[in-house]
């Protein structure tokens, strides 16, 4: 199953996340299918940049979002 989830990048104690479409069996920071956007929780206000067209395309193809992604995307849609 394809999931839309966060992939952590950045250094220690300075998180930065990419929003990616990935197989549910791959590790959190492992192989992904496509980068859909990014999320920076360290900035005030938090920065969330997402390509909505790509996300909708993945939803139409059967991808499921994680709980955190659902909360973040609900602010945009």
PDB file of N, CA and C in Angstrom:
ATOM      1  N   UNK A   1       0.841  -1.176   0.000  1.00  0.00           N
ATOM      2  CA  UNK A   1       0.000   0.000   0.000  1.00  0.00           C
ATOM      3  C   UNK A   1       0.888   1.241   0.000  1.00  0.00           C
ATOM      4  N   UNK A   2       0.461   2.246  -0.723  1.00  0.00           N
ATOM      5  CA  UNK A   2       1.199   3.508  -0.772  1.00  0.00           C
ATOM      6  C   UNK A   2       0.672   4.430   0.323  1.00  0.00           C
ATOM      7  N   UNK A   3       1.586   5.031   1.055  1.00  0.00           N
ATOM      8  CA  UNK A   3       1.228   5.986   2.104  1.00  0.00           C
ATOM      9  C   UNK A   3       1.870   7.329   1.817  1.00  0.00           C
ATOM     10  N   UNK A   4       1.199   8.369   2.251  1.00  0.00           N
ATOM     11  CA  UNK A   4       1.774   9.714   2.209  1.00  0.00           C
ATOM     12  C   UNK A   4       2.174  10.029   3.638  1.00  0.00           C
ATOM     13  N   UNK A   5       3.469  10.245   3.844  1.00  0.00           N
ATOM     14  CA  UNK A   5       3.966  10.443   5.204  1.00  0.00           C
ATOM     15  C   UNK A   5       5.154  11.387   5.223  1.00  0.00           C
ATOM     16  N   UNK A   6       5.624  11.673   6.447  1.00  0.00           N
ATOM     17  CA  UNK A   6       6.763  12.559   6.642  1.00  0.00           C
ATOM     18  C   UNK A   6       8.064  11.765   6.611  1.00  0.00           C
ATOM     19  N   UNK A   7       9.075  12.332   5.979  1.00  0.00           N
ATOM     20  CA  UNK A   7      10.416  11.763   5.969  1.00  0.00           C
ATOM     21  C   UNK A   7      11.330  12.791   6.622  1.00  0.00           C
ATOM     22  N   UNK A   8      11.965  12.408   7.715  1.00  0.00           N
ATOM     23  CA  UNK A   8      12.792  13.358   8.454  1.00  0.00           C
ATOM     24  C   UNK A   8      14.136  13.571   7.771  1.00  0.00           C
ATOM     25  N   UNK A   9      14.487  14.840   7.627  1.00  0.00           N
ATOM     26  CA  UNK A   9      15.814  15.227   7.174  1.00  0.00           C
ATOM     27  C   UNK A   9      16.317  16.271   8.164  1.00  0.00           C
ATOM     28  N   UNK A  10      17.436  16.871   7.896  1.00  0.00           N
ATOM     29  CA  UNK A  10      17.970  17.857   8.830  1.00  0.00           C
ATOM     30  C   UNK A  10      18.907  17.196   9.818  1.00  0.00           C
ATOM     31  N   UNK A  11      19.555  18.016  10.609  1.00  0.00           N
ATOM     32  CA  UNK A  11      20.540  17.481  11.543  1.00  0.00           C
ATOM     33  C   UNK A  11      19.921  17.229  12.917  1.00  0.00           C
ATOM     34  N   UNK A  12      20.738  16.776  13.824  1.00  0.00           N
ATOM     35  CA  UNK A  12      20.303  16.454  15.172  1.00  0.00           C
ATOM     36  C   UNK A  12      19.701  17.681  15.858  1.00  0.00           C
ATOM     37  N   UNK A  13      18.521  17.510  16.425  1.00  0.00           N
ATOM     38  CA  UNK A  13      17.767  18.552  17.129  1.00  0.00           C
ATOM     39  C   UNK A  13      17.336  19.711  16.230  1.00  0.00           C
ATOM     40  N   UNK A  14      17.428  19.526  14.912  1.00  0.00           N
ATOM     41  CA  UNK A  14      16.970  20.534  13.954  1.00  0.00           C
ATOM     42  C   UNK A  14      16.161  19.832  12.869  1.00  0.00           C
ATOM     43  N   UNK A  15      14.954  19.364  13.211  1.00  0.00           N
ATOM     44  CA  UNK A  15      14.191  18.564  12.254  1.00  0.00           C
ATOM     45  C   UNK A  15      13.664  19.387  11.082  1.00  0.00           C
ATOM     46  N   UNK A  16      13.607  18.738   9.951  1.00  0.00           N
ATOM     47  CA  UNK A  16      13.010  19.274   8.735  1.00  0.00           C
ATOM     48  C   UNK A  16      12.402  18.065   8.044  1.00  0.00           C
ATOM     49  N   UNK A  17      11.176  18.178   7.582  1.00  0.00           N
ATOM     50  CA  UNK A  17      10.483  17.022   7.045  1.00  0.00           C
ATOM     51  C   UNK A  17      10.109  17.218   5.582  1.00  0.00           C
ATOM     52  N   UNK A  18      10.241  16.156   4.803  1.00  0.00           N
ATOM     53  CA  UNK A  18       9.717  16.119   3.444  1.00  0.00           C
ATOM     54  C   UNK A  18       8.416  15.324   3.488  1.00  0.00           C
ATOM     55  N   UNK A  19       7.452  15.742   2.727  1.00  0.00           N
ATOM     56  CA  UNK A  19       6.217  14.999   2.587  1.00  0.00           C
ATOM     57  C   UNK A  19       6.378  14.144   1.337  1.00  0.00           C
ATOM     58  N   UNK A  20       6.311  12.823   1.517  1.00  0.00           N
ATOM     59  CA  UNK A  20       6.604  11.909   0.423  1.00  0.00           C
ATOM     60  C   UNK A  20       5.511  10.852   0.274  1.00  0.00           C
ATOM     61  N   UNK A  21       5.418  10.315  -0.931  1.00  0.00           N
ATOM     62  CA  UNK A  21       4.604   9.132  -1.197  1.00  0.00           C
ATOM     63  C   UNK A  21       5.561   7.952  -1.193  1.00  0.00           C
ATOM     64  N   UNK A  22       5.256   6.933  -0.398  1.00  0.00           N
ATOM     65  CA  UNK A  22       6.162   5.801  -0.249  1.00  0.00           C
ATOM     66  C   UNK A  22       5.384   4.521   0.006  1.00  0.00           C
ATOM     67  N   UNK A  23       6.035   3.404  -0.222  1.00  0.00           N
ATOM     68  CA  UNK A  23       5.453   2.111   0.111  1.00  0.00           C
ATOM     69  C   UNK A  23       5.410   2.001   1.632  1.00  0.00           C
ATOM     70  N   UNK A  24       4.331   1.465   2.170  1.00  0.00           N
ATOM     71  CA  UNK A  24       4.166   1.408   3.625  1.00  0.00           C
ATOM     72  C   UNK A  24       5.199   0.505   4.294  1.00  0.00           C
ATOM     73  N   UNK A  25       5.832  -0.393   3.541  1.00  0.00           N
ATOM     74  CA  UNK A  25       6.814  -1.309   4.120  1.00  0.00           C
ATOM     75  C   UNK A  25       8.212  -0.720   4.198  1.00  0.00           C
ATOM     76  N   UNK A  26       8.477   0.389   3.500  1.00  0.00           N
ATOM     77  CA  UNK A  26       9.825   0.963   3.546  1.00  0.00           C
ATOM     78  C   UNK A  26      10.026   1.765   4.826  1.00  0.00           C
ATOM     79  N   UNK A  27      11.282   1.904   5.276  1.00  0.00           N
ATOM     80  CA  UNK A  27      11.547   2.642   6.506  1.00  0.00           C
ATOM     81  C   UNK A  27      11.228   4.132   6.369  1.00  0.00           C
ATOM     82  N   UNK A  28      11.115   4.795   7.493  1.00  0.00           N
ATOM     83  CA  UNK A  28      10.713   6.203   7.517  1.00  0.00           C
ATOM     84  C   UNK A  28      11.575   7.076   6.614  1.00  0.00           C
ATOM     85  N   UNK A  29      12.872   6.897   6.678  1.00  0.00           N
ATOM     86  CA  UNK A  29      13.786   7.721   5.890  1.00  0.00           C
ATOM     87  C   UNK A  29      14.356   6.972   4.694  1.00  0.00           C
ATOM     88  N   UNK A  30      13.680   5.909   4.286  1.00  0.00           N
ATOM     89  CA  UNK A  30      14.183   5.074   3.204  1.00  0.00           C
ATOM     90  C   UNK A  30      13.687   5.514   1.834  1.00  0.00           C
ATOM     91  N   UNK A  31      13.566   4.540   0.963  1.00  0.00           N
ATOM     92  CA  UNK A  31      13.185   4.756  -0.419  1.00  0.00           C
ATOM     93  C   UNK A  31      11.769   5.346  -0.511  1.00  0.00           C
ATOM     94  N   UNK A  32      11.589   6.294  -1.424  1.00  0.00           N
ATOM     95  CA  UNK A  32      10.269   6.904  -1.616  1.00  0.00           C
ATOM     96  C   UNK A  32       9.963   6.964  -3.106  1.00  0.00           C
ATOM     97  N   UNK A  33       8.688   7.183  -3.420  1.00  0.00           N
ATOM     98  CA  UNK A  33       8.253   7.235  -4.810  1.00  0.00           C
ATOM     99  C   UNK A  33       8.299   8.647  -5.375  1.00  0.00           C
ATOM    100  N   UNK A  34       7.852   9.625  -4.562  1.00  0.00           N
ATOM    101  CA  UNK A  34       7.810  11.008  -5.036  1.00  0.00           C
ATOM    102  C   UNK A  34       7.784  11.966  -3.855  1.00  0.00           C
ATOM    103  N   UNK A  35       8.453  13.097  -4.013  1.00  0.00           N
ATOM    104  CA  UNK A  35       8.410  14.163  -3.004  1.00  0.00           C
ATOM    105  C   UNK A  35       7.227  15.064  -3.336  1.00  0.00           C
ATOM    106  N   UNK A  36       6.361  15.295  -2.350  1.00  0.00           N
ATOM    107  CA  UNK A  36       5.147  16.078  -2.557  1.00  0.00           C
ATOM    108  C   UNK A  36       5.222  17.462  -1.930  1.00  0.00           C
ATOM    109  N   UNK A  37       6.158  17.682  -1.030  1.00  0.00           N
ATOM    110  CA  UNK A  37       6.288  18.981  -0.378  1.00  0.00           C
ATOM    111  C   UNK A  37       7.231  18.893   0.801  1.00  0.00           C
ATOM    112  N   UNK A  38       7.169  19.913   1.671  1.00  0.00           N
ATOM    113  CA  UNK A  38       8.002  19.901   2.871  1.00  0.00           C
ATOM    114  C   UNK A  38       7.290  20.598   4.017  1.00  0.00           C
ATOM    115  N   UNK A  39       7.790  20.334   5.234  1.00  0.00           N
ATOM    116  CA  UNK A  39       7.234  20.902   6.460  1.00  0.00           C
ATOM    117  C   UNK A  39       8.400  21.269   7.365  1.00  0.00           C
ATOM    118  N   UNK A  40       8.440  22.532   7.797  1.00  0.00           N
ATOM    119  CA  UNK A  40       9.493  23.005   8.694  1.00  0.00           C
ATOM    120  C   UNK A  40       8.851  23.464  10.002  1.00  0.00           C
ATOM    121  N   UNK A  41       8.895  22.626  11.045  1.00  0.00           N
ATOM    122  CA  UNK A  41       8.257  22.975  12.310  1.00  0.00           C
ATOM    123  C   UNK A  41       9.054  23.962  13.156  1.00  0.00           C
ATOM    124  N   UNK A  42      10.284  24.262  12.781  1.00  0.00           N
ATOM    125  CA  UNK A  42      11.133  25.136  13.588  1.00  0.00           C
ATOM    126  C   UNK A  42      10.849  26.612  13.360  1.00  0.00           C
ATOM    127  N   UNK A  43      10.315  26.959  12.211  1.00  0.00           N
ATOM    128  CA  UNK A  43      10.018  28.369  11.919  1.00  0.00           C
ATOM    129  C   UNK A  43       8.723  28.770  12.612  1.00  0.00           C
ATOM    130  N   UNK A  44       8.608  30.011  12.933  1.00  0.00           N
ATOM    131  CA  UNK A  44       7.384  30.549  13.529  1.00  0.00           C
ATOM    132  C   UNK A  44       6.819  31.610  12.606  1.00  0.00           C
ATOM    133  N   UNK A  45       5.655  31.452  12.022  1.00  0.00           N
ATOM    134  CA  UNK A  45       4.788  30.263  12.050  1.00  0.00           C
ATOM    135  C   UNK A  45       5.373  29.121  11.221  1.00  0.00           C
ATOM    136  N   UNK A  46       4.895  27.907  11.490  1.00  0.00           N
ATOM    137  CA  UNK A  46       5.402  26.729  10.798  1.00  0.00           C
ATOM    138  C   UNK A  46       5.222  26.872   9.288  1.00  0.00           C
ATOM    139  N   UNK A  47       6.205  26.395   8.549  1.00  0.00           N
ATOM    140  CA  UNK A  47       6.171  26.473   7.088  1.00  0.00           C
ATOM    141  C   UNK A  47       5.714  25.125   6.537  1.00  0.00           C
ATOM    142  N   UNK A  48       4.665  25.165   5.728  1.00  0.00           N
ATOM    143  CA  UNK A  48       4.137  23.959   5.095  1.00  0.00           C
ATOM    144  C   UNK A  48       3.931  24.262   3.621  1.00  0.00           C
ATOM    145  N   UNK A  49       4.689  23.592   2.777  1.00  0.00           N
ATOM    146  CA  UNK A  49       4.619  23.790   1.326  1.00  0.00           C
ATOM    147  C   UNK A  49       4.293  22.445   0.697  1.00  0.00           C
ATOM    148  N   UNK A  50       3.141  22.362   0.006  1.00  0.00           N
ATOM    149  CA  UNK A  50       2.690  21.104  -0.566  1.00  0.00           C
ATOM    150  C   UNK A  50       2.177  21.346  -1.982  1.00  0.00           C
ATOM    151  N   UNK A  51       2.486  20.421  -2.887  1.00  0.00           N
ATOM    152  CA  UNK A  51       1.927  20.454  -4.229  1.00  0.00           C
ATOM    153  C   UNK A  51       0.595  19.706  -4.182  1.00  0.00           C
ATOM    154  N   UNK A  52      -0.502  20.452  -4.089  1.00  0.00           N
ATOM    155  CA  UNK A  52      -1.835  19.880  -3.900  1.00  0.00           C
ATOM    156  C   UNK A  52      -2.225  18.976  -5.066  1.00  0.00           C
ATOM    157  N   UNK A  53      -1.858  19.338  -6.285  1.00  0.00           N
ATOM    158  CA  UNK A  53      -2.217  18.521  -7.450  1.00  0.00           C
ATOM    159  C   UNK A  53      -1.612  17.125  -7.355  1.00  0.00           C
ATOM    160  N   UNK A  54      -0.348  17.042  -6.949  1.00  0.00           N
ATOM    161  CA  UNK A  54       0.300  15.739  -6.810  1.00  0.00           C
ATOM    162  C   UNK A  54      -0.349  14.926  -5.690  1.00  0.00           C
ATOM    163  N   UNK A  55      -0.695  15.592  -4.583  1.00  0.00           N
ATOM    164  CA  UNK A  55      -1.318  14.897  -3.461  1.00  0.00           C
ATOM    165  C   UNK A  55      -2.675  14.331  -3.875  1.00  0.00           C
ATOM    166  N   UNK A  56      -3.479  15.133  -4.558  1.00  0.00           N
ATOM    167  CA  UNK A  56      -4.789  14.659  -5.016  1.00  0.00           C
ATOM    168  C   UNK A  56      -4.639  13.501  -5.994  1.00  0.00           C
ATOM    169  N   UNK A  57      -3.626  13.561  -6.847  1.00  0.00           N
ATOM    170  CA  UNK A  57      -3.378  12.471  -7.779  1.00  0.00           C
ATOM    171  C   UNK A  57      -3.069  11.175  -7.028  1.00  0.00           C
ATOM    172  N   UNK A  58      -2.248  11.250  -5.987  1.00  0.00           N
ATOM    173  CA  UNK A  58      -1.932  10.048  -5.201  1.00  0.00           C
ATOM    174  C   UNK A  58      -3.154   9.545  -4.450  1.00  0.00           C
ATOM    175  N   UNK A  59      -3.988  10.461  -3.929  1.00  0.00           N
ATOM    176  CA  UNK A  59      -5.222  10.038  -3.258  1.00  0.00           C
ATOM    177  C   UNK A  59      -6.139   9.308  -4.239  1.00  0.00           C
ATOM    178  N   UNK A  60      -6.231   9.807  -5.466  1.00  0.00           N
ATOM    179  CA  UNK A  60      -7.057   9.154  -6.479  1.00  0.00           C
ATOM    180  C   UNK A  60      -6.525   7.778  -6.861  1.00  0.00           C
ATOM    181  N   UNK A  61      -5.225   7.576  -6.724  1.00  0.00           N
ATOM    182  CA  UNK A  61      -4.620   6.285  -7.030  1.00  0.00           C
ATOM    183  C   UNK A  61      -4.620   5.338  -5.835  1.00  0.00           C
ATOM    184  N   UNK A  62      -5.219   5.737  -4.716  1.00  0.00           N
ATOM    185  CA  UNK A  62      -5.382   4.839  -3.574  1.00  0.00           C
ATOM    186  C   UNK A  62      -4.423   5.033  -2.424  1.00  0.00           C
ATOM    187  N   UNK A  63      -3.628   6.081  -2.421  1.00  0.00           N
ATOM    188  CA  UNK A  63      -2.693   6.317  -1.316  1.00  0.00           C
ATOM    189  C   UNK A  63      -3.448   6.751  -0.062  1.00  0.00           C
ATOM    190  N   UNK A  64      -2.949   6.356   1.092  1.00  0.00           N
ATOM    191  CA  UNK A  64      -3.551   6.708   2.376  1.00  0.00           C
ATOM    192  C   UNK A  64      -2.593   7.613   3.148  1.00  0.00           C
ATOM    193  N   UNK A  65      -3.085   8.718   3.729  1.00  0.00           N
ATOM    194  CA  UNK A  65      -2.210   9.583   4.528  1.00  0.00           C
ATOM    195  C   UNK A  65      -2.064   9.064   5.955  1.00  0.00           C
ATOM    196  N   UNK A  66      -0.951   9.409   6.585  1.00  0.00           N
ATOM    197  CA  UNK A  66      -0.789   9.111   8.006  1.00  0.00           C
ATOM    198  C   UNK A  66      -1.599  10.124   8.809  1.00  0.00           C
ATOM    199  N   UNK A  67      -1.722   9.902  10.100  1.00  0.00           N
ATOM    200  CA  UNK A  67      -2.512  10.809  10.945  1.00  0.00           C
ATOM    201  C   UNK A  67      -1.955  12.228  10.923  1.00  0.00           C
ATOM    202  N   UNK A  68      -0.636  12.359  11.030  1.00  0.00           N
ATOM    203  CA  UNK A  68      -0.013  13.689  11.055  1.00  0.00           C
ATOM    204  C   UNK A  68      -0.226  14.412   9.733  1.00  0.00           C
ATOM    205  N   UNK A  69      -0.115  13.706   8.632  1.00  0.00           N
ATOM    206  CA  UNK A  69      -0.322  14.322   7.317  1.00  0.00           C
ATOM    207  C   UNK A  69      -1.777  14.758   7.167  1.00  0.00           C
ATOM    208  N   UNK A  70      -2.718  13.969   7.673  1.00  0.00           N
ATOM    209  CA  UNK A  70      -4.127  14.365   7.616  1.00  0.00           C
ATOM    210  C   UNK A  70      -4.339  15.694   8.335  1.00  0.00           C
ATOM    211  N   UNK A  71      -3.732  15.844   9.500  1.00  0.00           N
ATOM    212  CA  UNK A  71      -3.871  17.092  10.267  1.00  0.00           C
ATOM    213  C   UNK A  71      -3.243  18.268   9.531  1.00  0.00           C
ATOM    214  N   UNK A  72      -2.061  18.053   8.940  1.00  0.00           N
ATOM    215  CA  UNK A  72      -1.389  19.129   8.229  1.00  0.00           C
ATOM    216  C   UNK A  72      -2.143  19.512   6.963  1.00  0.00           C
ATOM    217  N   UNK A  73      -2.637  18.539   6.220  1.00  0.00           N
ATOM    218  CA  UNK A  73      -3.342  18.843   4.985  1.00  0.00           C
ATOM    219  C   UNK A  73      -4.719  19.453   5.225  1.00  0.00           C
ATOM    220  N   UNK A  74      -5.320  19.158   6.382  1.00  0.00           N
ATOM    221  CA  UNK A  74      -6.633  19.744   6.679  1.00  0.00           C
ATOM    222  C   UNK A  74      -6.546  21.260   6.809  1.00  0.00           C
ATOM    223  N   UNK A  75      -5.363  21.779   7.147  1.00  0.00           N
ATOM    224  CA  UNK A  75      -5.181  23.218   7.227  1.00  0.00           C
ATOM    225  C   UNK A  75      -5.150  23.860   5.854  1.00  0.00           C
ATOM    226  N   UNK A  76      -4.706  23.088   4.841  1.00  0.00           N
ATOM    227  CA  UNK A  76      -4.582  23.619   3.477  1.00  0.00           C
ATOM    228  C   UNK A  76      -5.844  23.455   2.659  1.00  0.00           C
ATOM    229  N   UNK A  77      -6.546  22.345   2.843  1.00  0.00           N
ATOM    230  CA  UNK A  77      -7.697  22.045   1.985  1.00  0.00           C
ATOM    231  C   UNK A  77      -8.983  22.553   2.569  1.00  0.00           C
TER     232      UNK A  77
END
